[in-house]
Amino acid sequence: MTLPGLDRNLAAVLSLAVIAGREDPRWAELGGNAVLLLEAIQDAGGLEELVRLCRERGAYAVASSGGGG
């Protein structure tokens, strides 16, 4: 799957998270979240478009800070 705006490093990390989630129950939540993020990027038409949609909907903290935590 090729997604606009998704660089190789991010794609690799998300792919590894999906694989880890399938192979080890301790990583299942991370793998599931990676799948959801990949689907959201695909549905939005690319990473930049997803970020734009998040900003429009008031998700500035998530879109600009790199996440919660």
Foldseek 3Di string as FASTA:
>chain_A
DDAPPQDPVNVVVLVVLLVCLVVDVVSVVSNVVSVVVVVLRVVLRHDVSSLVVCVVVPVCCCSPVVHDD
